[in-house]
C-alpha atoms as a PDB file:
ATOM      1  CA  MET A   1     -47.657 -38.518  -2.577  1.00  0.00           C
ATOM      2  CA  LYS A   2     -44.243 -39.348  -3.736  1.00  0.00           C
ATOM      3  CA  ARG A   3     -43.355 -40.389  -7.180  1.00  0.00           C
ATOM      4  CA  LEU A   4     -40.820 -42.916  -8.005  1.00  0.00           C
ATOM      5  CA  PRO A   5     -37.957 -41.058  -9.712  1.00  0.00           C
ATOM      6  CA  GLY A   6     -37.626 -41.490 -13.324  1.00  0.00           C
ATOM      7  CA  TYR A   7     -41.020 -42.410 -13.942  1.00  0.00           C
ATOM      8  CA  LEU A   8     -44.184 -40.449 -15.393  1.00  0.00           C
ATOM      9  CA  THR A   9     -47.700 -40.658 -14.517  1.00  0.00           C
ATOM     10  CA  LYS A  10     -50.383 -41.634 -17.308  1.00  0.00           C
ATOM     11  CA  THR A  11     -51.425 -37.928 -17.239  1.00  0.00           C
ATOM     12  CA  GLU A  12     -47.844 -36.714 -17.599  1.00  0.00           C
ATOM     13  CA  VAL A  13     -47.398 -39.275 -20.542  1.00  0.00           C
ATOM     14  CA  ALA A  14     -50.768 -38.028 -22.073  1.00  0.00           C
ATOM     15  CA  ASP A  15     -49.647 -34.256 -21.887  1.00  0.00           C
ATOM     16  CA  LEU A  16     -46.220 -35.326 -23.574  1.00  0.00           C
ATOM     17  CA  TYR A  17     -47.898 -37.169 -26.485  1.00  0.00           C
ATOM     18  CA  GLY A  18     -50.739 -34.632 -26.510  1.00  0.00           C
ATOM     19  CA  VAL A  19     -53.527 -37.164 -26.454  1.00  0.00           C
ATOM     20  CA  ASP A  20     -56.171 -38.194 -23.905  1.00  0.00           C
ATOM     21  CA  GLU A  21     -55.491 -40.424 -21.137  1.00  0.00           C
ATOM     22  CA  LYS A  22     -57.794 -43.332 -22.629  1.00  0.00           C
ATOM     23  CA  THR A  23     -55.620 -43.289 -25.752  1.00  0.00           C
ATOM     24  CA  VAL A  24     -52.443 -43.738 -23.658  1.00  0.00           C
ATOM     25  CA  ASP A  25     -54.225 -46.782 -21.950  1.00  0.00           C
ATOM     26  CA  ARG A  26     -55.067 -48.268 -25.394  1.00  0.00           C
ATOM     27  CA  ARG A  27     -51.411 -47.746 -26.593  1.00  0.00           C
ATOM     28  CA  ARG A  28     -50.099 -49.303 -23.551  1.00  0.00           C
ATOM     29  CA  LYS A  29     -51.851 -52.217 -24.147  1.00  0.00           C
ATOM     30  CA  THR A  30     -51.108 -52.518 -27.923  1.00  0.00           C
ATOM     31  CA  GLU A  31     -47.683 -51.114 -28.497  1.00  0.00           C
ATOM     32  CA  PRO A  32     -44.626 -53.463 -27.664  1.00  0.00           C
ATOM     33  CA  LEU A  33     -42.515 -50.313 -26.917  1.00  0.00           C
ATOM     34  CA  LEU A  34     -44.742 -49.154 -24.259  1.00  0.00           C
ATOM     35  CA  GLN A  35     -44.206 -52.256 -22.141  1.00  0.00           C
ATOM     36  CA  GLY A  36     -42.586 -52.056 -18.595  1.00  0.00           C
ATOM     37  CA  TRP A  37     -45.250 -49.781 -16.852  1.00  0.00           C
ATOM     38  CA  VAL A  38     -45.428 -50.107 -13.149  1.00  0.00           C
ATOM     39  CA  LYS A  39     -48.351 -50.214 -10.859  1.00  0.00           C
ATOM     40  CA  ALA A  40     -48.115 -48.398  -7.556  1.00  0.00           C
ATOM     41  CA  GLY A  41     -51.131 -48.659  -5.458  1.00  0.00           C
ATOM     42  CA  LYS A  42     -54.094 -47.252  -7.962  1.00  0.00           C
ATOM     43  CA  ARG A  43     -51.664 -45.504 -10.015  1.00  0.00           C
ATOM     44  CA  VAL A  44     -49.842 -46.816 -13.244  1.00  0.00           C
ATOM     45  CA  LEU A  45     -46.315 -45.149 -13.835  1.00  0.00           C
ATOM     46  CA  CYS A  46     -44.339 -45.279 -17.126  1.00  0.00           C
ATOM     47  CA  PRO A  47     -40.361 -45.281 -17.162  1.00  0.00           C
ATOM     48  CA  LYS A  48     -39.437 -41.753 -18.565  1.00  0.00           C
ATOM     49  CA  GLU A  49     -36.988 -43.267 -21.074  1.00  0.00           C
ATOM     50  CA  VAL A  50     -39.835 -45.603 -22.365  1.00  0.00           C
ATOM     51  CA  ALA A  51     -42.345 -42.395 -22.831  1.00  0.00           C
ATOM     52  CA  GLU A  52     -39.438 -40.552 -24.719  1.00  0.00           C
ATOM     53  CA  ARG A  53     -38.360 -43.535 -26.771  1.00  0.00           C
ATOM     54  CA  TYR A  54     -41.931 -44.243 -28.041  1.00  0.00           C
ATOM     55  CA  LEU A  55     -42.437 -40.578 -28.643  1.00  0.00           C
ATOM     56  CA  GLU A  56     -39.415 -40.540 -30.956  1.00  0.00           C
ATOM     57  CA  TYR A  57     -40.656 -43.574 -32.693  1.00  0.00           C
ATOM     58  CA  ALA A  58     -44.316 -42.174 -33.167  1.00  0.00           C
ATOM     59  CA  LEU A  59     -43.062 -38.980 -34.303  1.00  0.00           C
ATOM     60  CA  LYS A  60     -41.006 -40.925 -37.095  1.00  0.00           C
ATOM     61  CA  ARG A  61     -43.902 -42.801 -38.084  1.00  0.00           C
ATOM     62  CA  GLY A  62     -46.101 -39.748 -38.283  1.00  0.00           C
ATOM     63  CA  LYS A  63     -48.793 -40.673 -35.655  1.00  0.00           C
ATOM     64  CA  ILE A  64     -49.066 -41.337 -31.935  1.00  0.00           C
END
């Protein structure tokens, strides 16, 4: 299955952050910086720049 260019799957985002997929789901619903996810069928995709921007923010504040 092809993926949209510039987007990461929920599993890839969880690996990037070093957390579980459920944690990514919770953060996605509560953190304003993680808005903008796209539903593609049953999959949920995150723009790569959004994931990287939130990672920088989370590392600065000391927790993901």
